[in-house]
PDB file of N, CA and C in Angstrom:
ATOM      1  N   UNK A   1    -186.228  50.694  11.757  1.00  0.00           N
ATOM      2  CA  UNK A   1    -186.145  49.248  11.796  1.00  0.00           C
ATOM      3  C   UNK A   1    -187.150  48.691  10.796  1.00  0.00           C
ATOM      4  N   UNK A   2    -186.772  47.602  10.154  1.00  0.00           N
ATOM      5  CA  UNK A   2    -187.686  46.929   9.242  1.00  0.00           C
ATOM      6  C   UNK A   2    -187.431  45.431   9.318  1.00  0.00           C
ATOM      7  N   UNK A   3    -188.367  44.655   8.829  1.00  0.00           N
ATOM      8  CA  UNK A   3    -188.214  43.202   8.856  1.00  0.00           C
ATOM      9  C   UNK A   3    -188.835  42.613   7.599  1.00  0.00           C
ATOM     10  N   UNK A   4    -188.500  41.359   7.357  1.00  0.00           N
ATOM     11  CA  UNK A   4    -189.012  40.662   6.186  1.00  0.00           C
ATOM     12  C   UNK A   4    -188.065  39.559   5.775  1.00  0.00           C
ATOM     13  N   UNK A   5    -188.161  39.147   4.530  1.00  0.00           N
ATOM     14  CA  UNK A   5    -187.321  38.070   4.012  1.00  0.00           C
ATOM     15  C   UNK A   5    -186.059  38.633   3.380  1.00  0.00           C
ATOM     16  N   UNK A   6    -184.955  37.958   3.651  1.00  0.00           N
ATOM     17  CA  UNK A   6    -183.675  38.293   3.021  1.00  0.00           C
ATOM     18  C   UNK A   6    -183.154  37.057   2.303  1.00  0.00           C
ATOM     19  N   UNK A   7    -182.492  37.296   1.196  1.00  0.00           N
ATOM     20  CA  UNK A   7    -181.825  36.233   0.454  1.00  0.00           C
ATOM     21  C   UNK A   7    -180.365  36.643   0.307  1.00  0.00           C
ATOM     22  N   UNK A   8    -179.596  35.840  -0.421  1.00  0.00           N
ATOM     23  CA  UNK A   8    -178.198  36.220  -0.626  1.00  0.00           C
ATOM     24  C   UNK A   8    -177.790  35.950  -2.063  1.00  0.00           C
ATOM     25  N   UNK A   9    -176.734  36.622  -2.475  1.00  0.00           N
ATOM     26  CA  UNK A   9    -176.184  36.423  -3.808  1.00  0.00           C
ATOM     27  C   UNK A   9    -174.682  36.255  -3.690  1.00  0.00           C
ATOM     28  N   UNK A  10    -174.118  35.462  -4.603  1.00  0.00           N
ATOM     29  CA  UNK A  10    -172.714  35.082  -4.413  1.00  0.00           C
ATOM     30  C   UNK A  10    -171.938  34.992  -5.718  1.00  0.00           C
ATOM     31  N   UNK A  11    -172.331  35.791  -6.715  1.00  0.00           N
ATOM     32  CA  UNK A  11    -171.523  35.744  -7.935  1.00  0.00           C
ATOM     33  C   UNK A  11    -170.086  36.118  -7.599  1.00  0.00           C
ATOM     34  N   UNK A  12    -169.146  35.676  -8.383  1.00  0.00           N
ATOM     35  CA  UNK A  12    -167.729  35.788  -8.019  1.00  0.00           C
ATOM     36  C   UNK A  12    -167.183  37.203  -8.103  1.00  0.00           C
ATOM     37  N   UNK A  13    -167.420  37.900  -9.177  1.00  0.00           N
ATOM     38  CA  UNK A  13    -166.878  39.244  -9.341  1.00  0.00           C
ATOM     39  C   UNK A  13    -167.895  40.124 -10.047  1.00  0.00           C
ATOM     40  N   UNK A  14    -167.625  41.395 -10.038  1.00  0.00           N
ATOM     41  CA  UNK A  14    -168.491  42.334 -10.728  1.00  0.00           C
ATOM     42  C   UNK A  14    -168.532  43.652  -9.985  1.00  0.00           C
ATOM     43  N   UNK A  15    -169.278  44.576 -10.527  1.00  0.00           N
ATOM     44  CA  UNK A  15    -169.446  45.891  -9.914  1.00  0.00           C
ATOM     45  C   UNK A  15    -170.825  45.975  -9.282  1.00  0.00           C
ATOM     46  N   UNK A  16    -170.900  46.669  -8.166  1.00  0.00           N
ATOM     47  CA  UNK A  16    -172.181  46.922  -7.525  1.00  0.00           C
ATOM     48  C   UNK A  16    -172.775  48.207  -8.094  1.00  0.00           C
ATOM     49  N   UNK A  17    -174.010  48.488  -7.745  1.00  0.00           N
ATOM     50  CA  UNK A  17    -174.659  49.719  -8.203  1.00  0.00           C
ATOM     51  C   UNK A  17    -173.946  50.959  -7.684  1.00  0.00           C
ATOM     52  N   UNK A  18    -173.220  50.823  -6.580  1.00  0.00           N
ATOM     53  CA  UNK A  18    -172.480  51.962  -6.024  1.00  0.00           C
ATOM     54  C   UNK A  18    -171.158  52.192  -6.752  1.00  0.00           C
ATOM     55  N   UNK A  19    -170.787  51.256  -7.634  1.00  0.00           N
ATOM     56  CA  UNK A  19    -169.535  51.369  -8.371  1.00  0.00           C
ATOM     57  C   UNK A  19    -168.380  50.617  -7.744  1.00  0.00           C
ATOM     58  N   UNK A  20    -168.584  50.073  -6.557  1.00  0.00           N
ATOM     59  CA  UNK A  20    -167.513  49.320  -5.902  1.00  0.00           C
ATOM     60  C   UNK A  20    -167.457  47.897  -6.457  1.00  0.00           C
ATOM     61  N   UNK A  21    -166.328  47.249  -6.275  1.00  0.00           N
ATOM     62  CA  UNK A  21    -166.182  45.857  -6.686  1.00  0.00           C
ATOM     63  C   UNK A  21    -166.915  44.969  -5.698  1.00  0.00           C
ATOM     64  N   UNK A  22    -167.653  43.997  -6.221  1.00  0.00           N
ATOM     65  CA  UNK A  22    -168.356  43.059  -5.354  1.00  0.00           C
ATOM     66  C   UNK A  22    -167.393  41.979  -4.899  1.00  0.00           C
ATOM     67  N   UNK A  23    -167.337  41.765  -3.606  1.00  0.00           N
ATOM     68  CA  UNK A  23    -166.548  40.683  -3.020  1.00  0.00           C
ATOM     69  C   UNK A  23    -167.523  39.836  -2.216  1.00  0.00           C
ATOM     70  N   UNK A  24    -167.765  38.631  -2.672  1.00  0.00           N
ATOM     71  CA  UNK A  24    -168.828  37.831  -2.067  1.00  0.00           C
ATOM     72  C   UNK A  24    -168.596  37.482  -0.605  1.00  0.00           C
ATOM     73  N   UNK A  25    -167.353  37.513  -0.146  1.00  0.00           N
ATOM     74  CA  UNK A  25    -167.081  37.191   1.253  1.00  0.00           C
ATOM     75  C   UNK A  25    -167.139  38.410   2.169  1.00  0.00           C
ATOM     76  N   UNK A  26    -167.380  39.580   1.605  1.00  0.00           N
ATOM     77  CA  UNK A  26    -167.471  40.790   2.430  1.00  0.00           C
ATOM     78  C   UNK A  26    -168.841  40.851   3.109  1.00  0.00           C
ATOM     79  N   UNK A  27    -168.984  41.782   4.027  1.00  0.00           N
ATOM     80  CA  UNK A  27    -170.241  41.944   4.761  1.00  0.00           C
ATOM     81  C   UNK A  27    -171.004  43.117   4.162  1.00  0.00           C
ATOM     82  N   UNK A  28    -171.687  42.831   3.056  1.00  0.00           N
ATOM     83  CA  UNK A  28    -172.414  43.865   2.329  1.00  0.00           C
ATOM     84  C   UNK A  28    -173.826  43.387   2.024  1.00  0.00           C
ATOM     85  N   UNK A  29    -174.649  44.323   1.537  1.00  0.00           N
ATOM     86  CA  UNK A  29    -176.027  43.981   1.194  1.00  0.00           C
ATOM     87  C   UNK A  29    -176.553  44.932   0.139  1.00  0.00           C
ATOM     88  N   UNK A  30    -177.643  44.515  -0.478  1.00  0.00           N
ATOM     89  CA  UNK A  30    -178.364  45.342  -1.439  1.00  0.00           C
ATOM     90  C   UNK A  30    -179.722  45.706  -0.846  1.00  0.00           C
ATOM     91  N   UNK A  31    -180.097  46.970  -1.012  1.00  0.00           N
ATOM     92  CA  UNK A  31    -181.405  47.468  -0.583  1.00  0.00           C
ATOM     93  C   UNK A  31    -181.926  48.388  -1.673  1.00  0.00           C
ATOM     94  N   UNK A  32    -183.222  48.451  -1.823  1.00  0.00           N
ATOM     95  CA  UNK A  32    -183.799  49.254  -2.908  1.00  0.00           C
ATOM     96  C   UNK A  32    -183.574  50.753  -2.742  1.00  0.00           C
ATOM     97  N   UNK A  33    -183.607  51.271  -1.503  1.00  0.00           N
ATOM     98  CA  UNK A  33    -183.607  52.728  -1.325  1.00  0.00           C
ATOM     99  C   UNK A  33    -182.574  53.295  -0.361  1.00  0.00           C
ATOM    100  N   UNK A  34    -182.074  52.512   0.586  1.00  0.00           N
ATOM    101  CA  UNK A  34    -181.123  53.066   1.556  1.00  0.00           C
ATOM    102  C   UNK A  34    -179.887  53.604   0.837  1.00  0.00           C
ATOM    103  N   UNK A  35    -179.334  54.712   1.302  1.00  0.00           N
ATOM    104  CA  UNK A  35    -178.135  55.270   0.658  1.00  0.00           C
ATOM    105  C   UNK A  35    -176.951  54.302   0.725  1.00  0.00           C
ATOM    106  N   UNK A  36    -176.136  54.328  -0.325  1.00  0.00           N
ATOM    107  CA  UNK A  36    -174.916  53.524  -0.317  1.00  0.00           C
ATOM    108  C   UNK A  36    -174.060  53.937   0.871  1.00  0.00           C
ATOM    109  N   UNK A  37    -173.442  52.953   1.519  1.00  0.00           N
ATOM    110  CA  UNK A  37    -172.616  53.216   2.683  1.00  0.00           C
ATOM    111  C   UNK A  37    -173.350  53.104   3.999  1.00  0.00           C
ATOM    112  N   UNK A  38    -174.682  53.037   3.959  1.00  0.00           N
ATOM    113  CA  UNK A  38    -175.460  52.891   5.190  1.00  0.00           C
ATOM    114  C   UNK A  38    -175.093  51.581   5.867  1.00  0.00           C
ATOM    115  N   UNK A  39    -174.906  51.651   7.177  1.00  0.00           N
ATOM    116  CA  UNK A  39    -174.642  50.436   7.965  1.00  0.00           C
ATOM    117  C   UNK A  39    -175.958  49.933   8.539  1.00  0.00           C
ATOM    118  N   UNK A  40    -176.161  48.622   8.443  1.00  0.00           N
ATOM    119  CA  UNK A  40    -177.399  48.002   8.900  1.00  0.00           C
ATOM    120  C   UNK A  40    -177.057  46.763   9.720  1.00  0.00           C
ATOM    121  N   UNK A  41    -177.637  46.663  10.917  1.00  0.00           N
ATOM    122  CA  UNK A  41    -177.494  45.433  11.707  1.00  0.00           C
ATOM    123  C   UNK A  41    -178.632  44.503  11.301  1.00  0.00           C
ATOM    124  N   UNK A  42    -178.268  43.318  10.812  1.00  0.00           N
ATOM    125  CA  UNK A  42    -179.244  42.337  10.347  1.00  0.00           C
ATOM    126  C   UNK A  42    -179.234  41.164  11.320  1.00  0.00           C
ATOM    127  N   UNK A  43    -180.416  40.767  11.777  1.00  0.00           N
ATOM    128  CA  UNK A  43    -180.549  39.644  12.700  1.00  0.00           C
ATOM    129  C   UNK A  43    -181.455  38.594  12.081  1.00  0.00           C
ATOM    130  N   UNK A  44    -180.970  37.358  12.021  1.00  0.00           N
ATOM    131  CA  UNK A  44    -181.786  36.234  11.554  1.00  0.00           C
ATOM    132  C   UNK A  44    -182.724  35.845  12.689  1.00  0.00           C
ATOM    133  N   UNK A  45    -184.014  35.856  12.442  1.00  0.00           N
ATOM    134  CA  UNK A  45    -184.971  35.590  13.513  1.00  0.00           C
ATOM    135  C   UNK A  45    -184.947  34.140  13.982  1.00  0.00           C
ATOM    136  N   UNK A  46    -184.576  33.207  13.114  1.00  0.00           N
ATOM    137  CA  UNK A  46    -184.585  31.786  13.475  1.00  0.00           C
ATOM    138  C   UNK A  46    -183.518  31.420  14.500  1.00  0.00           C
ATOM    139  N   UNK A  47    -182.377  32.135  14.483  1.00  0.00           N
ATOM    140  CA  UNK A  47    -181.280  31.755  15.381  1.00  0.00           C
ATOM    141  C   UNK A  47    -180.690  32.929  16.165  1.00  0.00           C
ATOM    142  N   UNK A  48    -181.216  34.123  15.968  1.00  0.00           N
ATOM    143  CA  UNK A  48    -180.781  35.350  16.661  1.00  0.00           C
ATOM    144  C   UNK A  48    -179.351  35.780  16.346  1.00  0.00           C
ATOM    145  N   UNK A  49    -178.737  35.217  15.308  1.00  0.00           N
ATOM    146  CA  UNK A  49    -177.399  35.666  14.911  1.00  0.00           C
ATOM    147  C   UNK A  49    -177.512  37.007  14.202  1.00  0.00           C
ATOM    148  N   UNK A  50    -176.529  37.887  14.452  1.00  0.00           N
ATOM    149  CA  UNK A  50    -176.534  39.226  13.856  1.00  0.00           C
ATOM    150  C   UNK A  50    -175.227  39.511  13.145  1.00  0.00           C
ATOM    151  N   UNK A  51    -175.307  40.420  12.175  1.00  0.00           N
ATOM    152  CA  UNK A  51    -174.133  40.891  11.454  1.00  0.00           C
ATOM    153  C   UNK A  51    -174.406  42.332  11.035  1.00  0.00           C
ATOM    154  N   UNK A  52    -173.350  43.139  10.980  1.00  0.00           N
ATOM    155  CA  UNK A  52    -173.479  44.506  10.483  1.00  0.00           C
ATOM    156  C   UNK A  52    -172.961  44.526   9.049  1.00  0.00           C
ATOM    157  N   UNK A  53    -173.799  45.014   8.136  1.00  0.00           N
ATOM    158  CA  UNK A  53    -173.445  45.087   6.719  1.00  0.00           C
ATOM    159  C   UNK A  53    -173.457  46.538   6.250  1.00  0.00           C
ATOM    160  N   UNK A  54    -172.784  46.780   5.139  1.00  0.00           N
ATOM    161  CA  UNK A  54    -172.823  48.075   4.455  1.00  0.00           C
ATOM    162  C   UNK A  54    -173.646  47.909   3.181  1.00  0.00           C
ATOM    163  N   UNK A  55    -174.499  48.873   2.898  1.00  0.00           N
ATOM    164  CA  UNK A  55    -175.288  48.841   1.666  1.00  0.00           C
ATOM    165  C   UNK A  55    -174.403  49.313   0.512  1.00  0.00           C
ATOM    166  N   UNK A  56    -174.195  48.432  -0.462  1.00  0.00           N
ATOM    167  CA  UNK A  56    -173.346  48.757  -1.613  1.00  0.00           C
ATOM    168  C   UNK A  56    -174.033  48.514  -2.949  1.00  0.00           C
ATOM    169  N   UNK A  57    -175.263  47.994  -2.906  1.00  0.00           N
ATOM    170  CA  UNK A  57    -175.905  47.592  -4.153  1.00  0.00           C
ATOM    171  C   UNK A  57    -177.407  47.833  -4.057  1.00  0.00           C
ATOM    172  N   UNK A  58    -178.098  47.687  -5.176  1.00  0.00           N
ATOM    173  CA  UNK A  58    -179.546  47.831  -5.238  1.00  0.00           C
ATOM    174  C   UNK A  58    -180.189  46.468  -5.412  1.00  0.00           C
ATOM    175  N   UNK A  59    -181.350  46.312  -4.846  1.00  0.00           N
ATOM    176  CA  UNK A  59    -182.103  45.072  -4.869  1.00  0.00           C
ATOM    177  C   UNK A  59    -182.716  44.879  -3.500  1.00  0.00           C
ATOM    178  N   UNK A  60    -183.290  43.778  -3.219  1.00  0.00           N
ATOM    179  CA  UNK A  60    -183.522  42.631  -4.097  1.00  0.00           C
ATOM    180  C   UNK A  60    -184.658  42.925  -5.073  1.00  0.00           C
ATOM    181  N   UNK A  61    -184.655  42.211  -6.155  1.00  0.00           N
ATOM    182  CA  UNK A  61    -185.674  42.429  -7.178  1.00  0.00           C
ATOM    183  C   UNK A  61    -186.709  41.317  -7.190  1.00  0.00           C
ATOM    184  N   UNK A  62    -186.680  40.467  -6.169  1.00  0.00           N
ATOM    185  CA  UNK A  62    -187.703  39.437  -6.000  1.00  0.00           C
ATOM    186  C   UNK A  62    -188.760  39.999  -5.057  1.00  0.00           C
ATOM    187  N   UNK A  63    -189.986  39.973  -5.487  1.00  0.00           N
ATOM    188  CA  UNK A  63    -191.084  40.516  -4.688  1.00  0.00           C
ATOM    189  C   UNK A  63    -191.138  39.863  -3.305  1.00  0.00           C
ATOM    190  N   UNK A  64    -191.334  40.681  -2.282  1.00  0.00           N
ATOM    191  CA  UNK A  64    -191.475  40.172  -0.929  1.00  0.00           C
ATOM    192  C   UNK A  64    -190.176  40.074  -0.146  1.00  0.00           C
ATOM    193  N   UNK A  65    -189.060  40.400  -0.761  1.00  0.00           N
ATOM    194  CA  UNK A  65    -187.774  40.376  -0.051  1.00  0.00           C
ATOM    195  C   UNK A  65    -187.315  41.793   0.229  1.00  0.00           C
ATOM    196  N   UNK A  66    -186.658  41.975   1.382  1.00  0.00           N
ATOM    197  CA  UNK A  66    -186.260  43.322   1.795  1.00  0.00           C
ATOM    198  C   UNK A  66    -184.765  43.571   1.678  1.00  0.00           C
ATOM    199  N   UNK A  67    -183.949  42.526   1.668  1.00  0.00           N
ATOM    200  CA  UNK A  67    -182.497  42.654   1.535  1.00  0.00           C
ATOM    201  C   UNK A  67    -181.945  41.493   0.725  1.00  0.00           C
ATOM    202  N   UNK A  68    -180.891  41.756  -0.019  1.00  0.00           N
ATOM    203  CA  UNK A  68    -180.046  40.725  -0.617  1.00  0.00           C
ATOM    204  C   UNK A  68    -178.688  40.848   0.063  1.00  0.00           C
ATOM    205  N   UNK A  69    -178.238  39.800   0.682  1.00  0.00           N
ATOM    206  CA  UNK A  69    -176.980  39.801   1.424  1.00  0.00           C
ATOM    207  C   UNK A  69    -175.861  39.193   0.596  1.00  0.00           C
ATOM    208  N   UNK A  70    -174.640  39.608   0.864  1.00  0.00           N
ATOM    209  CA  UNK A  70    -173.484  38.929   0.276  1.00  0.00           C
ATOM    210  C   UNK A  70    -173.373  37.538   0.899  1.00  0.00           C
ATOM    211  N   UNK A  71    -172.629  36.663   0.255  1.00  0.00           N
ATOM    212  CA  UNK A  71    -172.418  35.323   0.795  1.00  0.00           C
ATOM    213  C   UNK A  71    -171.788  35.394   2.181  1.00  0.00           C
ATOM    214  N   UNK A  72    -170.821  36.295   2.373  1.00  0.00           N
ATOM    215  CA  UNK A  72    -170.176  36.431   3.679  1.00  0.00           C
ATOM    216  C   UNK A  72    -171.159  36.792   4.775  1.00  0.00           C
ATOM    217  N   UNK A  73    -172.074  37.705   4.483  1.00  0.00           N
ATOM    218  CA  UNK A  73    -173.085  38.094   5.472  1.00  0.00           C
ATOM    219  C   UNK A  73    -174.046  36.941   5.737  1.00  0.00           C
ATOM    220  N   UNK A  74    -174.449  36.240   4.680  1.00  0.00           N
ATOM    221  CA  UNK A  74    -175.354  35.101   4.846  1.00  0.00           C
ATOM    222  C   UNK A  74    -174.705  34.000   5.677  1.00  0.00           C
ATOM    223  N   UNK A  75    -173.422  33.757   5.455  1.00  0.00           N
ATOM    224  CA  UNK A  75    -172.715  32.753   6.269  1.00  0.00           C
ATOM    225  C   UNK A  75    -172.675  33.173   7.733  1.00  0.00           C
ATOM    226  N   UNK A  76    -172.417  34.453   7.980  1.00  0.00           N
ATOM    227  CA  UNK A  76    -172.374  34.946   9.361  1.00  0.00           C
ATOM    228  C   UNK A  76    -173.710  34.747  10.067  1.00  0.00           C
ATOM    229  N   UNK A  77    -174.788  34.828   9.303  1.00  0.00           N
ATOM    230  CA  UNK A  77    -176.122  34.646   9.875  1.00  0.00           C
ATOM    231  C   UNK A  77    -176.562  33.183   9.900  1.00  0.00           C
ATOM    232  N   UNK A  78    -175.815  32.319   9.229  1.00  0.00           N
ATOM    233  CA  UNK A  78    -176.169  30.904   9.190  1.00  0.00           C
ATOM    234  C   UNK A  78    -177.384  30.603   8.329  1.00  0.00           C
ATOM    235  N   UNK A  79    -177.550  31.342   7.222  1.00  0.00           N
ATOM    236  CA  UNK A  79    -178.746  31.154   6.396  1.00  0.00           C
ATOM    237  C   UNK A  79    -178.449  30.592   5.008  1.00  0.00           C
ATOM    238  N   UNK A  80    -177.230  30.148   4.749  1.00  0.00           N
ATOM    239  CA  UNK A  80    -176.893  29.712   3.392  1.00  0.00           C
ATOM    240  C   UNK A  80    -177.603  28.416   2.987  1.00  0.00           C
ATOM    241  N   UNK A  81    -177.906  27.539   3.916  1.00  0.00           N
ATOM    242  CA  UNK A  81    -178.559  26.278   3.563  1.00  0.00           C
ATOM    243  C   UNK A  81    -179.976  26.506   3.046  1.00  0.00           C
ATOM    244  N   UNK A  82    -180.680  27.447   3.633  1.00  0.00           N
ATOM    245  CA  UNK A  82    -182.063  27.717   3.228  1.00  0.00           C
ATOM    246  C   UNK A  82    -182.144  28.699   2.070  1.00  0.00           C
ATOM    247  N   UNK A  83    -181.216  29.640   2.017  1.00  0.00           N
ATOM    248  CA  UNK A  83    -181.217  30.613   0.933  1.00  0.00           C
ATOM    249  C   UNK A  83    -182.043  31.854   1.195  1.00  0.00           C
ATOM    250  N   UNK A  84    -183.111  31.708   1.954  1.00  0.00           N
ATOM    251  CA  UNK A  84    -183.989  32.823   2.312  1.00  0.00           C
ATOM    252  C   UNK A  84    -184.303  32.700   3.794  1.00  0.00           C
ATOM    253  N   UNK A  85    -184.329  33.831   4.494  1.00  0.00           N
ATOM    254  CA  UNK A  85    -184.597  33.803   5.929  1.00  0.00           C
ATOM    255  C   UNK A  85    -185.371  35.042   6.353  1.00  0.00           C
ATOM    256  N   UNK A  86    -186.136  34.906   7.401  1.00  0.00           N
ATOM    257  CA  UNK A  86    -186.810  36.052   8.019  1.00  0.00           C
ATOM    258  C   UNK A  86    -185.766  36.806   8.833  1.00  0.00           C
ATOM    259  N   UNK A  87    -185.710  38.108   8.633  1.00  0.00           N
ATOM    260  CA  UNK A  87    -184.722  38.928   9.336  1.00  0.00           C
ATOM    261  C   UNK A  87    -185.379  40.171   9.928  1.00  0.00           C
ATOM    262  N   UNK A  88    -184.657  40.761  10.852  1.00  0.00           N
ATOM    263  CA  UNK A  88    -184.972  42.097  11.364  1.00  0.00           C
ATOM    264  C   UNK A  88    -183.749  42.943  11.065  1.00  0.00           C
ATOM    265  N   UNK A  89    -183.943  44.162  10.611  1.00  0.00           N
ATOM    266  CA  UNK A  89    -182.823  45.026  10.250  1.00  0.00           C
ATOM    267  C   UNK A  89    -182.967  46.377  10.934  1.00  0.00           C
ATOM    268  N   UNK A  90    -181.848  46.865  11.442  1.00  0.00           N
ATOM    269  CA  UNK A  90    -181.817  48.153  12.129  1.00  0.00           C
ATOM    270  C   UNK A  90    -180.753  49.025  11.470  1.00  0.00           C
ATOM    271  N   UNK A  91    -181.160  50.185  10.982  1.00  0.00           N
ATOM    272  CA  UNK A  91    -180.208  51.130  10.399  1.00  0.00           C
ATOM    273  C   UNK A  91    -179.403  51.741  11.531  1.00  0.00           C
ATOM    274  N   UNK A  92    -178.079  51.718  11.403  1.00  0.00           N
ATOM    275  CA  UNK A  92    -177.200  52.239  12.462  1.00  0.00           C
ATOM    276  C   UNK A  92    -176.775  53.666  12.170  1.00  0.00           C
TER     277      UNK A  92
END
């Protein structure tokens, strides 16, 4: 389990570091070291909403952040208005 700040990214198309196509509405995330395909339960601490994401990309590259979420995952957590949120993450 780990915690910290998460942000989200929502570019329209492109390839992830894993080679898969990025779909901004999917439930995916970027992490610096977790293996691609790892499932992670992410919980927003402000509202206790949770979502399970798959790691498909590398990042975040902003110091102090632990995950970059897809737009779909960020919407599920209700964090799109702020852009950055404190989260708790559990590797499944």
